[in-house]
Protein backbone atom coordinates (compact mmCIF):
# COMPACT_ATOMS: atom_id res chain seq x y z
CA UNK A 1 42.41 -4.60 20.21
CA UNK A 2 43.84 -1.29 18.81
CA UNK A 3 44.94 -2.35 15.44
CA UNK A 4 41.01 -4.18 15.10
CA UNK A 5 39.25 -1.05 15.83
CA UNK A 6 41.88 1.06 13.22
CA UNK A 7 40.57 -1.15 10.56
CA UNK A 8 36.87 -1.50 11.55
CA UNK A 9 36.90 2.01 11.86
CA UNK A 10 38.92 2.88 8.06
CA UNK A 11 36.67 -0.14 6.19
CA UNK A 12 33.33 1.63 7.42
CA UNK A 13 34.95 5.21 6.71
CA UNK A 14 35.99 3.79 3.43
CA UNK A 15 32.55 2.22 2.29
CA UNK A 16 31.03 5.59 3.52
CA UNK A 17 33.04 7.82 1.46
CA UNK A 18 32.65 5.07 -1.52
CA UNK A 19 29.04 5.18 -1.24
CA UNK A 20 28.40 8.92 -1.34
CA UNK A 21 30.88 9.26 -3.94
CA UNK A 22 29.81 6.54 -6.40
CA UNK A 23 33.96 6.73 -7.80
CA UNK A 24 33.99 5.89 -11.17
CA UNK A 25 36.61 2.47 -10.85
CA UNK A 26 38.47 3.14 -14.29
CA UNK A 27 42.01 4.49 -15.88
CA UNK A 28 41.14 8.55 -16.65
CA UNK A 29 39.37 8.93 -13.20
CA UNK A 30 40.88 9.97 -9.67
CA UNK A 31 37.85 9.24 -7.58
CA UNK A 32 38.46 6.02 -6.56
CA UNK A 33 42.38 7.20 -6.29
CA UNK A 34 41.68 10.14 -3.90
CA UNK A 35 39.67 8.12 -1.52
CA UNK A 36 42.05 4.93 -1.10
CA UNK A 37 44.85 7.67 -0.74
CA UNK A 38 42.88 8.69 2.39
CA UNK A 39 41.91 5.98 3.63
CA UNK A 40 46.05 4.87 3.30
CA UNK A 41 47.01 8.49 5.02
CA UNK A 42 44.40 7.78 7.88
CA UNK A 43 46.52 3.96 8.03
CA UNK A 44 50.20 5.50 8.66
CA UNK A 45 48.51 8.15 10.84
CA UNK A 46 46.82 5.17 12.80
CA UNK A 47 50.26 3.08 12.63
CA UNK A 48 52.30 5.54 14.14
CA UNK A 49 53.46 4.36 17.77
CA UNK A 50 53.37 7.82 19.77
CA UNK A 51 54.87 8.64 23.65
CA UNK A 52 55.52 11.45 25.68
CA UNK A 53 58.63 11.86 27.70
CA UNK A 54 57.48 13.05 31.29
CA UNK A 55 60.97 14.51 31.51
CA UNK A 56 61.05 16.92 28.23
CA UNK A 57 57.32 17.12 27.52
CA UNK A 58 58.26 15.79 23.62
CA UNK A 59 56.06 13.46 21.84
CA UNK A 60 58.44 10.35 20.25
CA UNK A 61 57.89 8.07 17.58
CA UNK A 62 58.24 4.63 19.51
CA UNK A 63 56.88 2.49 16.52
CA UNK A 64 56.17 3.49 12.68
CA UNK A 65 54.06 2.22 10.15
CA UNK A 66 55.05 -0.60 7.63
CA UNK A 67 56.94 0.92 4.77
CA UNK A 68 54.10 -0.75 2.03
CA UNK A 69 51.53 2.40 3.35
CA UNK A 70 54.86 4.50 2.10
CA UNK A 71 55.04 3.14 -1.07
CA UNK A 72 51.57 2.57 -1.84
CA UNK A 73 50.43 6.90 -1.18
CA UNK A 74 53.46 7.59 -3.54
CA UNK A 75 51.57 5.47 -5.99
CA UNK A 76 48.41 6.97 -5.99
CA UNK A 77 50.06 10.42 -5.68
CA UNK A 78 51.62 9.87 -8.58
CA UNK A 79 48.06 8.46 -10.34
CA UNK A 80 46.09 11.32 -9.14
CA UNK A 81 48.74 14.18 -9.70
CA UNK A 82 51.51 13.49 -11.63
CA UNK A 83 50.14 11.37 -14.35
CA UNK A 84 47.17 13.49 -15.48
CA UNK A 85 49.48 16.55 -15.96
CA UNK A 86 51.74 14.21 -18.22
CA UNK A 87 48.54 12.99 -20.31
CA UNK A 88 45.77 15.50 -20.18
CA UNK A 89 47.89 18.65 -20.56
CA UNK A 90 46.60 21.13 -23.49
CA UNK A 91 49.86 21.89 -24.23
CA UNK A 92 51.13 19.02 -24.77
CA UNK A 93 47.91 17.37 -25.99
CA UNK A 94 46.33 20.36 -28.24
CA UNK A 95 45.92 18.52 -31.60
CA UNK A 96 43.68 15.85 -29.46
CA UNK A 97 41.49 18.54 -27.87
CA UNK A 98 41.07 20.43 -31.38
CA UNK A 99 40.20 17.01 -32.92
CA UNK A 100 37.32 15.19 -30.19
CA UNK A 101 34.24 17.00 -31.60
CA UNK A 102 35.45 14.79 -34.88
CA UNK A 103 34.81 15.92 -38.36
CA UNK A 104 32.99 19.60 -38.54
CA UNK A 105 31.22 19.69 -42.22
CA UNK A 106 30.80 22.94 -44.02
CA UNK A 107 27.49 23.70 -44.47
CA UNK A 108 25.81 25.86 -47.06
CA UNK A 109 22.87 27.82 -45.51
CA UNK A 110 22.21 27.31 -42.39
CA UNK A 111 18.02 27.61 -43.55
CA UNK A 112 18.91 24.69 -45.27
CA UNK A 113 19.18 22.87 -42.10
CA UNK A 114 15.96 24.92 -39.85
CA UNK A 115 12.63 23.86 -41.15
CA UNK A 116 10.42 27.05 -41.86
CA UNK A 117 7.98 27.19 -39.01
CA UNK A 118 4.51 28.37 -38.62
CA UNK A 119 4.22 31.11 -35.89
CA UNK A 120 1.90 28.92 -33.46
CA UNK A 121 4.70 26.08 -33.31
CA UNK A 122 7.75 29.20 -32.58
CA UNK A 123 9.11 28.52 -29.27
CA UNK A 124 7.82 31.04 -26.35
CA UNK A 125 8.52 29.28 -23.06
CA UNK A 126 11.99 29.45 -21.62
CA UNK A 127 13.04 27.23 -18.52
CA UNK A 128 12.53 30.35 -16.49
CA UNK A 129 9.02 30.74 -17.28
CA UNK A 130 8.30 26.83 -17.41
CA UNK A 131 9.66 26.60 -13.85
CA UNK A 132 6.85 29.21 -12.84
CA UNK A 133 4.13 27.66 -14.64
CA UNK A 134 5.03 24.74 -13.10
CA UNK A 135 5.35 25.77 -9.84
CA UNK A 136 1.83 28.05 -9.68
CA UNK A 137 -0.10 24.52 -10.95
CA UNK A 138 1.92 23.14 -8.35
CA UNK A 139 0.77 25.55 -5.57
CA UNK A 140 -2.73 25.14 -6.94
CA UNK A 141 -2.61 21.59 -5.09
CA UNK A 142 -2.07 22.03 -1.58
CA UNK A 143 -1.74 18.47 -0.54
CA UNK A 144 0.22 17.56 -2.94
CA UNK A 145 2.78 20.97 -2.68
CA UNK A 146 3.68 20.32 0.71
CA UNK A 147 5.35 17.08 -0.22
CA UNK A 148 6.35 17.43 -3.07
CA UNK A 149 8.64 19.96 -5.58
CA UNK A 150 10.33 20.50 -8.99
CA UNK A 151 12.85 18.96 -10.34
CA UNK A 152 15.15 20.28 -13.47
CA UNK A 153 12.99 20.86 -16.32
CA UNK A 154 14.09 19.44 -19.72
CA UNK A 155 13.11 20.08 -23.55
CA UNK A 156 12.11 17.08 -25.77
CA UNK A 157 9.62 16.94 -28.59
CA UNK A 158 6.51 14.79 -27.45
CA UNK A 159 4.35 13.26 -30.29
CA UNK A 160 6.01 16.11 -32.45
CA UNK A 161 4.75 18.67 -30.10
CA UNK A 162 7.47 20.44 -28.06
CA UNK A 163 6.91 20.72 -24.40
CA UNK A 164 9.53 21.47 -21.13
CA UNK A 165 9.01 18.42 -18.59
CA UNK A 166 10.16 18.02 -15.11
CA UNK A 167 9.85 15.34 -12.33
CA UNK A 168 7.83 15.47 -8.82
CA UNK A 169 10.95 15.09 -6.38
CA UNK A 170 10.45 14.75 -2.61
CA UNK A 171 11.33 18.16 -0.58
CA UNK A 172 13.03 16.11 2.26
CA UNK A 173 14.46 13.07 3.81
CA UNK A 174 10.89 12.65 6.26
CA UNK A 175 9.10 13.26 3.01
CA UNK A 176 10.70 10.60 0.91
CA UNK A 177 11.19 7.93 4.23
CA UNK A 178 6.90 8.33 4.73
CA UNK A 179 6.40 7.62 0.74
CA UNK A 180 9.15 5.57 -0.36
CA UNK A 181 6.68 4.50 -3.30
CA UNK A 182 7.27 7.38 -5.33
CA UNK A 183 6.46 10.82 -6.18
CA UNK A 184 3.11 11.43 -7.55
CA UNK A 185 3.70 12.19 -11.24
CA UNK A 186 5.32 15.08 -13.24
CA UNK A 187 4.59 18.31 -15.42
CA UNK A 188 4.52 19.40 -18.90
CA UNK A 189 4.64 23.08 -20.21
CA UNK A 190 4.10 23.19 -23.71
CA UNK A 191 7.19 25.47 -24.95
CA UNK A 192 4.93 27.12 -27.96
CA UNK A 193 1.83 27.81 -25.34
CA UNK A 194 2.13 28.87 -21.92
CA UNK A 195 -1.58 28.19 -21.25
CA UNK A 196 -0.92 24.63 -21.73
CA UNK A 197 0.54 23.42 -18.40
CA UNK A 198 -0.18 19.72 -17.51
CA UNK A 199 0.34 17.96 -14.34
CA UNK A 200 0.28 14.32 -15.02
CA UNK A 201 -0.43 11.60 -12.65
CA UNK A 202 -1.72 8.90 -14.15
CA UNK A 203 -0.58 7.14 -17.65
CA UNK A 204 -2.71 4.42 -19.50
CA UNK A 205 -4.81 4.09 -16.60
CA UNK A 206 -2.03 3.83 -13.54
CA UNK A 207 -1.01 6.17 -11.07
CA UNK A 208 2.50 7.43 -11.55
CA UNK A 209 5.09 6.94 -8.35
CA UNK A 210 8.33 8.34 -9.34
CA UNK A 211 10.15 6.06 -7.08
CA UNK A 212 13.81 6.80 -8.68
CA UNK A 213 15.14 10.45 -8.56
CA UNK A 214 17.88 12.65 -8.16
CA UNK A 215 19.10 13.28 -4.83
CA UNK A 216 16.67 11.02 -3.28
CA UNK A 217 18.35 8.89 -0.27
CA UNK A 218 19.81 5.50 0.00
CA UNK A 219 18.84 3.15 -3.63
CA UNK A 220 16.46 5.57 -4.12
CA UNK A 221 18.77 7.66 -5.96
CA UNK A 222 18.68 7.41 -9.84
CA UNK A 223 23.20 7.96 -9.67
CA UNK A 224 23.25 5.45 -7.28
CA UNK A 225 20.63 2.78 -8.51
CA UNK A 226 22.54 2.65 -11.99
CA UNK A 227 26.23 2.69 -10.52
CA UNK A 228 25.62 0.03 -8.56
CA UNK A 229 23.78 -1.95 -11.15
CA UNK A 230 27.04 -3.11 -13.00
CA UNK A 231 27.83 0.76 -14.23
CA UNK A 232 30.55 1.20 -11.56
CA UNK A 233 33.66 1.48 -14.15
CA UNK A 234 32.15 3.79 -16.45
CA UNK A 235 31.81 7.55 -16.79
CA UNK A 236 27.98 8.53 -16.25
CA UNK A 237 26.57 12.28 -16.84
CA UNK A 238 23.44 14.41 -17.92
CA UNK A 239 20.72 12.55 -16.03
CA UNK A 240 17.73 13.60 -17.92
CA UNK A 241 14.11 13.14 -17.29
CA UNK A 242 12.25 12.56 -20.63
CA UNK A 243 8.84 10.75 -21.60
CA UNK A 244 8.00 8.88 -24.30
CA UNK A 245 5.60 9.29 -26.92
CA UNK A 246 2.93 7.48 -24.32
CA UNK A 247 3.71 9.42 -21.46
CA UNK A 248 6.13 6.74 -19.39
CA UNK A 249 8.62 8.45 -17.62
CA UNK A 250 12.33 7.61 -18.03
CA UNK A 251 15.36 9.05 -16.68
CA UNK A 252 18.24 8.89 -19.78
CA UNK A 253 21.97 8.64 -19.10
CA UNK A 254 24.52 9.10 -20.66
CA UNK A 255 27.88 6.91 -20.55
CA UNK A 256 31.21 8.58 -21.05
CA UNK A 257 35.01 7.62 -21.03
CA UNK A 258 38.07 9.46 -21.21
CA UNK A 259 39.94 10.25 -24.70
CA UNK A 260 42.80 12.37 -23.48
CA UNK A 261 44.32 10.94 -20.66
CA UNK A 262 42.60 12.09 -17.64
CA UNK A 263 40.44 14.74 -19.60
CA UNK A 264 38.43 14.74 -23.17
CA UNK A 265 35.27 13.10 -22.12
CA UNK A 266 33.44 11.33 -24.83
CA UNK A 267 29.82 9.81 -25.23
CA UNK A 268 29.58 6.35 -26.07
CA UNK A 269 26.09 4.96 -24.90
CA UNK A 270 23.53 5.59 -23.12
CA UNK A 271 21.33 4.18 -20.40
CA UNK A 272 17.26 4.08 -20.14
CA UNK A 273 15.98 3.59 -16.44
CA UNK A 274 12.32 3.28 -15.80
CA UNK A 275 11.60 6.23 -13.48
CA UNK A 276 8.94 3.90 -11.80
CA UNK A 277 10.04 0.19 -11.66
CA UNK A 278 13.86 1.27 -11.90
CA UNK A 279 14.43 -1.35 -14.95
CA UNK A 280 17.85 -0.59 -16.54
CA UNK A 281 18.35 -0.73 -20.23
CA UNK A 282 21.59 -0.23 -21.89
CA UNK A 283 22.24 1.21 -25.67
CA UNK A 284 24.90 2.54 -27.85
CA UNK A 285 24.13 5.61 -29.63
CA UNK A 286 23.03 4.28 -32.94
CA UNK A 287 20.64 1.83 -31.09
CA UNK A 288 19.14 4.48 -28.48
CA UNK A 289 14.90 4.74 -28.55
CA UNK A 290 13.93 7.64 -31.05
CA UNK A 291 12.29 9.28 -28.58
CA UNK A 292 14.96 9.88 -26.43
CA UNK A 293 16.52 13.52 -27.50
CA UNK A 294 19.63 14.20 -26.55
CA UNK A 295 22.66 11.88 -25.78
CA UNK A 296 25.40 14.55 -25.72
CA UNK A 297 25.78 16.58 -22.72
CA UNK A 298 25.72 20.15 -23.33
CA UNK A 299 29.07 20.44 -21.48
CA UNK A 300 30.43 18.07 -23.37
CA UNK A 301 29.93 19.78 -26.40
CA UNK A 302 30.94 23.42 -25.57
CA UNK A 303 33.78 22.35 -24.46
CA UNK A 304 34.79 20.25 -27.60
CA UNK A 305 33.99 23.32 -29.48
CA UNK A 306 35.96 25.40 -27.38
CA UNK A 307 39.11 23.62 -28.41
CA UNK A 308 38.22 23.05 -31.70
CA UNK A 309 38.06 26.87 -32.34
CA UNK A 310 41.05 27.46 -29.50
CA UNK A 311 43.89 25.00 -30.61
CA UNK A 312 43.31 25.57 -34.64
CA UNK A 313 46.73 26.02 -35.36
CA UNK A 314 47.80 24.55 -32.39
CA UNK A 315 48.59 25.45 -28.25
CA UNK A 316 51.34 28.20 -29.39
CA UNK A 317 49.03 30.76 -31.02
CA UNK A 318 49.81 33.63 -29.37
CA UNK A 319 48.57 36.19 -31.65
CA UNK A 320 45.08 33.95 -31.90
CA UNK A 321 44.97 33.37 -35.74
CA UNK A 322 42.08 31.99 -37.14
CA UNK A 323 40.89 31.34 -33.18
CA UNK A 324 37.36 30.67 -32.52
CA UNK A 325 34.63 30.78 -29.43
CA UNK A 326 31.14 29.65 -28.97
CA UNK A 327 29.14 32.60 -27.84
CA UNK A 328 26.18 32.82 -25.17
CA UNK A 329 26.43 29.09 -25.14
CA UNK A 330 24.10 26.07 -26.54
CA UNK A 331 20.71 26.25 -27.14
CA UNK A 332 18.77 23.21 -27.74
CA UNK A 333 16.50 23.59 -31.52
CA UNK A 334 15.03 21.39 -34.34
CA UNK A 335 15.81 20.85 -37.73
CA UNK A 336 14.36 20.16 -41.07
CA UNK A 337 14.84 16.33 -40.05
CA UNK A 338 12.64 16.63 -36.40
CA UNK A 339 16.11 16.05 -35.05
CA UNK A 340 16.99 18.02 -31.80
CA UNK A 341 20.63 20.01 -32.08
CA UNK A 342 22.72 22.09 -29.81
CA UNK A 343 22.85 25.41 -31.38
CA UNK A 344 25.56 28.43 -31.26
CA UNK A 345 27.57 30.66 -32.55
CA UNK A 346 31.26 31.22 -32.98
CA UNK A 347 32.83 34.38 -32.86
CA UNK A 348 36.74 35.24 -33.34
CA UNK A 349 38.72 35.65 -30.38
CA UNK A 350 38.31 38.87 -28.92
CA UNK A 351 35.79 40.22 -31.62
CA UNK A 352 32.87 39.59 -29.73
CA UNK A 353 30.43 41.76 -31.31
CA UNK A 354 29.29 39.85 -34.57
CA UNK A 355 29.46 36.22 -35.40
CA UNK A 356 31.99 34.66 -38.32
CA UNK A 357 29.19 31.83 -38.46
CA UNK A 358 27.06 29.19 -36.52
CA UNK A 359 27.26 25.32 -35.67
CA UNK A 360 24.46 22.48 -35.14
CA UNK A 361 25.79 19.35 -33.76
CA UNK A 362 23.17 16.78 -33.58
CA UNK A 363 22.44 16.02 -29.79
CA UNK A 364 22.55 11.88 -30.40
CA UNK A 365 25.19 11.66 -33.06
CA UNK A 366 27.04 14.70 -32.54
CA UNK A 367 27.49 14.75 -35.79
CA UNK A 368 28.48 19.05 -36.59
CA UNK A 369 27.78 21.58 -38.78
CA UNK A 370 29.37 24.85 -39.33
CA UNK A 371 27.66 27.49 -41.66
CA UNK A 372 30.43 30.05 -42.61
CA UNK A 373 27.76 32.84 -42.52
CA UNK A 374 28.55 36.39 -40.46
CA UNK A 375 25.89 38.25 -38.18
CA UNK A 376 24.50 38.38 -34.54
CA UNK A 377 25.30 37.47 -31.63
CA UNK A 378 22.73 36.38 -29.62
CA UNK A 379 23.91 38.91 -27.01
CA UNK A 380 23.86 41.77 -29.59
CA UNK A 381 20.31 40.43 -30.37
CA UNK A 382 18.60 40.84 -27.16
CA UNK A 383 20.42 44.34 -26.57
CA UNK A 384 18.73 45.31 -29.84
CA UNK A 385 15.30 43.65 -28.86
CA UNK A 386 15.24 45.57 -25.42
CA UNK A 387 16.25 48.83 -27.44
CA UNK A 388 12.83 48.67 -28.77
CA UNK A 389 11.11 48.40 -25.95
CA UNK A 390 13.63 50.35 -24.00
CA UNK A 391 11.23 52.54 -21.95
CA UNK A 392 9.57 49.50 -20.42
CA UNK A 393 12.70 47.95 -18.99
CA UNK A 394 11.87 44.55 -20.59
CA UNK A 395 14.67 41.49 -20.99
CA UNK A 396 15.50 39.27 -23.71
CA UNK A 397 15.17 35.78 -23.28
CA UNK A 398 17.71 33.59 -25.20
CA UNK A 399 17.18 34.08 -28.41
CA UNK A 400 16.04 30.84 -30.67
CA UNK A 401 17.44 30.70 -34.26
CA UNK A 402 14.66 30.04 -36.63
CA UNK A 403 13.83 30.08 -40.56
CA UNK A 404 11.29 32.86 -41.28
CA UNK A 405 10.45 32.86 -44.74
CA UNK A 406 13.75 31.34 -45.44
CA UNK A 407 15.42 34.30 -43.50
CA UNK A 408 17.47 32.80 -40.26
CA UNK A 409 16.17 34.82 -37.51
CA UNK A 410 16.04 34.95 -33.39
CA UNK A 411 13.07 34.62 -31.78
CA UNK A 412 12.96 35.99 -28.18
CA UNK A 413 9.85 36.72 -25.51
CA UNK A 414 10.37 40.18 -23.63
CA UNK A 415 10.02 39.69 -20.09
CA UNK A 416 9.21 41.62 -16.99
CA UNK A 417 10.86 41.93 -13.95
CA UNK A 418 8.46 39.18 -12.49
CA UNK A 419 9.72 36.91 -15.39
CA UNK A 420 6.45 36.53 -17.30
CA UNK A 421 6.26 37.13 -21.42
CA UNK A 422 5.41 40.68 -22.09
CA UNK A 423 5.97 40.88 -25.52
CA UNK A 424 8.29 39.37 -28.20
CA UNK A 425 10.80 40.21 -30.73
CA UNK A 426 12.49 38.82 -33.67
CA UNK A 427 15.47 39.89 -34.77
CA UNK A 428 17.45 38.73 -38.42
CA UNK A 429 20.53 37.08 -37.85
CA UNK A 430 22.54 38.26 -40.60
CA UNK A 431 21.31 42.30 -39.40
CA UNK A 432 20.14 42.90 -35.34
CA UNK A 433 19.16 46.22 -36.48
CA UNK A 434 16.40 44.62 -38.00
CA UNK A 435 14.02 44.08 -35.63
CA UNK A 436 10.41 43.43 -34.89
CA UNK A 437 8.30 43.68 -31.62
CA UNK A 438 4.72 42.99 -31.24
CA UNK A 439 2.06 42.12 -28.14
CA UNK A 440 1.32 38.92 -30.32
CA UNK A 441 3.72 36.72 -32.28
CA UNK A 442 1.82 37.39 -34.90
CA UNK A 443 2.30 40.99 -34.51
CA UNK A 444 5.82 40.65 -34.22
CA UNK A 445 5.72 38.78 -37.86
CA UNK A 446 4.23 41.55 -39.43
CA UNK A 447 6.34 44.48 -38.32
CA UNK A 448 9.51 42.43 -38.38
CA UNK A 449 8.96 41.65 -42.11
CA UNK A 450 7.39 45.25 -42.84
CA UNK A 451 11.27 46.42 -41.31
CA UNK A 452 13.19 43.42 -43.46
CA UNK A 453 11.05 44.59 -46.40
CA UNK A 454 12.25 47.87 -46.10
CA UNK A 455 15.82 47.26 -45.92
CA UNK A 456 16.35 44.74 -48.81
CA UNK A 457 19.72 46.29 -49.88
CA UNK A 458 20.50 45.43 -45.74
CA UNK A 459 20.49 42.04 -46.69
CA UNK A 460 22.63 39.65 -47.80
CA UNK A 461 20.54 38.70 -50.96
CA UNK A 462 21.43 34.94 -50.88
CA UNK A 463 19.31 34.65 -48.02
CA UNK A 464 15.89 36.03 -48.98
CA UNK A 465 13.38 34.05 -50.38
CA UNK A 466 11.79 33.52 -53.66
CA UNK A 467 8.43 35.94 -53.96
CA UNK A 468 5.66 35.33 -55.52
CA UNK A 469 3.22 38.05 -57.49
CA UNK A 470 0.20 38.38 -57.91
CA UNK A 471 -2.91 40.23 -59.88
CA UNK A 472 -5.90 40.37 -58.67
CA UNK A 473 -8.96 42.82 -57.63
CA UNK A 474 -9.65 43.74 -53.90
CA UNK A 475 -12.80 41.80 -52.68
CA UNK A 476 -12.57 43.24 -48.64
CA UNK A 477 -10.27 45.48 -46.79
CA UNK A 478 -9.95 47.49 -43.67
CA UNK A 479 -7.20 49.06 -41.18
CA UNK A 480 -5.77 48.56 -37.85
CA UNK A 481 -3.78 50.94 -35.48
CA UNK A 482 -1.07 48.49 -33.83
CA UNK A 483 1.92 50.16 -31.67
CA UNK A 484 1.32 53.35 -33.13
CA UNK A 485 1.53 52.33 -36.64
CA UNK A 486 -1.23 51.48 -39.67
CA UNK A 487 -1.64 47.94 -40.79
CA UNK A 488 -4.28 47.37 -43.57
CA UNK A 489 -5.58 44.31 -43.85
CA UNK A 490 -7.00 42.82 -47.53
CA UNK A 491 -8.87 40.13 -49.16
CA UNK A 492 -8.30 39.35 -53.15
CA UNK A 493 -10.27 37.38 -55.31
CA UNK A 494 -9.98 33.89 -56.24
CA UNK A 495 -7.33 33.66 -53.13
CA UNK A 496 -8.28 32.16 -50.00
CA UNK A 497 -5.35 34.25 -47.22
CA UNK A 498 -6.10 37.12 -45.97
CA UNK A 499 -2.95 40.11 -46.64
CA UNK A 500 -1.39 42.25 -44.90
CA UNK A 501 1.02 45.54 -45.34
CA UNK A 502 1.71 48.68 -43.73
CA UNK A 503 1.47 52.02 -45.15
CA UNK A 504 5.34 52.16 -45.30
CA UNK A 505 5.19 49.53 -47.58
CA UNK A 506 3.04 51.88 -50.15
CA UNK A 507 1.30 55.10 -49.65
CA UNK A 508 -1.38 53.52 -52.50
CA UNK A 509 -2.71 51.13 -49.49
CA UNK A 510 -4.63 53.66 -47.46
CA UNK A 511 -6.35 54.79 -50.37
CA UNK A 512 -7.06 51.73 -52.25
CA UNK A 513 -10.73 50.16 -52.17
CA UNK A 514 -13.04 47.58 -52.67
CA UNK A 515 -12.94 46.52 -56.19
CA UNK A 516 -9.32 48.21 -56.85
CA UNK A 517 -7.08 46.27 -59.26
CA UNK A 518 -3.90 45.74 -57.52
CA UNK A 519 -0.43 43.82 -57.96
CA UNK A 520 1.02 42.84 -54.73
CA UNK A 521 4.32 40.20 -54.14
CA UNK A 522 5.05 38.37 -50.96
CA UNK A 523 6.63 35.04 -49.58
CA UNK A 524 5.48 32.11 -49.81
CA UNK A 525 4.15 31.67 -46.07
CA UNK A 526 2.60 28.88 -43.86
CA UNK A 527 0.19 31.84 -42.17
CA UNK A 528 -3.18 32.21 -42.81
CA UNK A 529 -2.40 35.58 -42.71
CA UNK A 530 0.45 36.87 -45.16
CA UNK A 531 2.85 39.86 -45.21
CA UNK A 532 3.00 42.06 -48.41
CA UNK A 533 6.48 42.63 -48.89
CA UNK A 534 5.11 45.11 -52.40
CA UNK A 535 1.99 47.18 -53.01
CA UNK A 536 0.39 48.17 -56.70
CA UNK A 537 -3.09 49.99 -56.79
CA UNK A 538 -3.07 49.56 -60.41
CA UNK A 539 -6.30 51.64 -60.72
CA UNK A 540 -4.74 54.90 -59.27
CA UNK A 541 -1.71 54.20 -61.85
CA UNK A 542 -3.90 54.14 -64.83
CA UNK A 543 -6.01 56.98 -63.37
CA UNK A 544 -2.54 59.02 -63.38
CA UNK A 545 -1.27 58.53 -66.54
CA UNK A 546 -5.12 59.67 -68.48
CA UNK A 547 -4.54 63.37 -66.13
């Protein structure tokens, strides 16, 4: 009877461990072996026949477990400890780790990859602010807010617009038990406009019910649902919540294998799960639907990039010759081809003040491009922007790289202690002393270009955009004071745009009048209001000559 009880207990305990931990049953993964090892150890303990001597009060072993259990325990220990050590240790496999990222192509100019962008498309909402805005709209629905909570936000392109999207999740077991149909919708926060916040509960005339969730219970847990539907033998990672262009919610799960013994995670494809019905579709990387933004998990790419830079001359490179490391982490950006990329700066090991180059990694294919051009690290750019408003005590968000008139530029928000955006900042990647700040993105761009145009001698000439020159007559002009600086807005004959420049660009601007002939130069711009880089009043020049 005792033996039957022991077997039943081990089976139930093993099933519970298996059901909770969802171990991958494949070579290179140790979770399943660890569960078996624990069960074998318990089996050995249950098999021991112990008795206590009445005379000496000592415990004696009267029966021993089957030797097979000892052999099995030894084999499992070898698999869980010795085998990973031998097959995966970086000391022995440094070349494999260094090449795991694949071919790293050399790019010419990062502005060839990152598209020019208008200021109304610049990302001004980060994940922290998106969460605050999402909580606010959720709090405006008391009946709903007491039942659900926000999941993790995932940034993505939806119909060519950039959004942070997060599912509504049940806030506890009882909430899940009483509403097993699913949570009622998701939240969308525009990444370019903090006033654009939506609680989406209906798509195509049908109510949204997100049944499959992270952290849910039993088979409603998205990981468990995928695992027990034919995916117990493959690694599953990066459960990200995305919506298609019609607004239908899905979970995107990356499938991966181990390429270097028990290490070296490599994405092999994706599993797309309908968050409402649970329908599962599996795709290779090449066949993944175009609306899916990310296949390569951030932590996979970060590890592979650091290994690529660390083992450039093998493991025994104690002088750190040519070693590189990533800077502040990886940021999701979008390129000219409308694809998404992981972006990071690279610094030499031991010299973290400035970047020696920048890397873009395709979030779907893992195609990697390295741009060997010096510049500021994200941390240096943040410090420079904060220094501009140090009296206010604002904190800069993680910088996002943009192509501003062919100038590689970090753009970031400046937030107060409550996490609310108060100002904006732009910092030239090639020279972090070139900083523009403002209360609006328009002011920030004007301030940045003003500083940039006065510092042309500091800028890498290869990064300067083609300037256009124009001779015309002033038809309207008006000045405005912003942040203590005077800016002059004017229109000229036969040109549709408004131009703006500060008195620091030219001391002739303050005395220019309607009807004056002028000569200006400016960058080709996507904006309605264009910043000038030089200004000359021909009338004033002629009057000076006549004297």
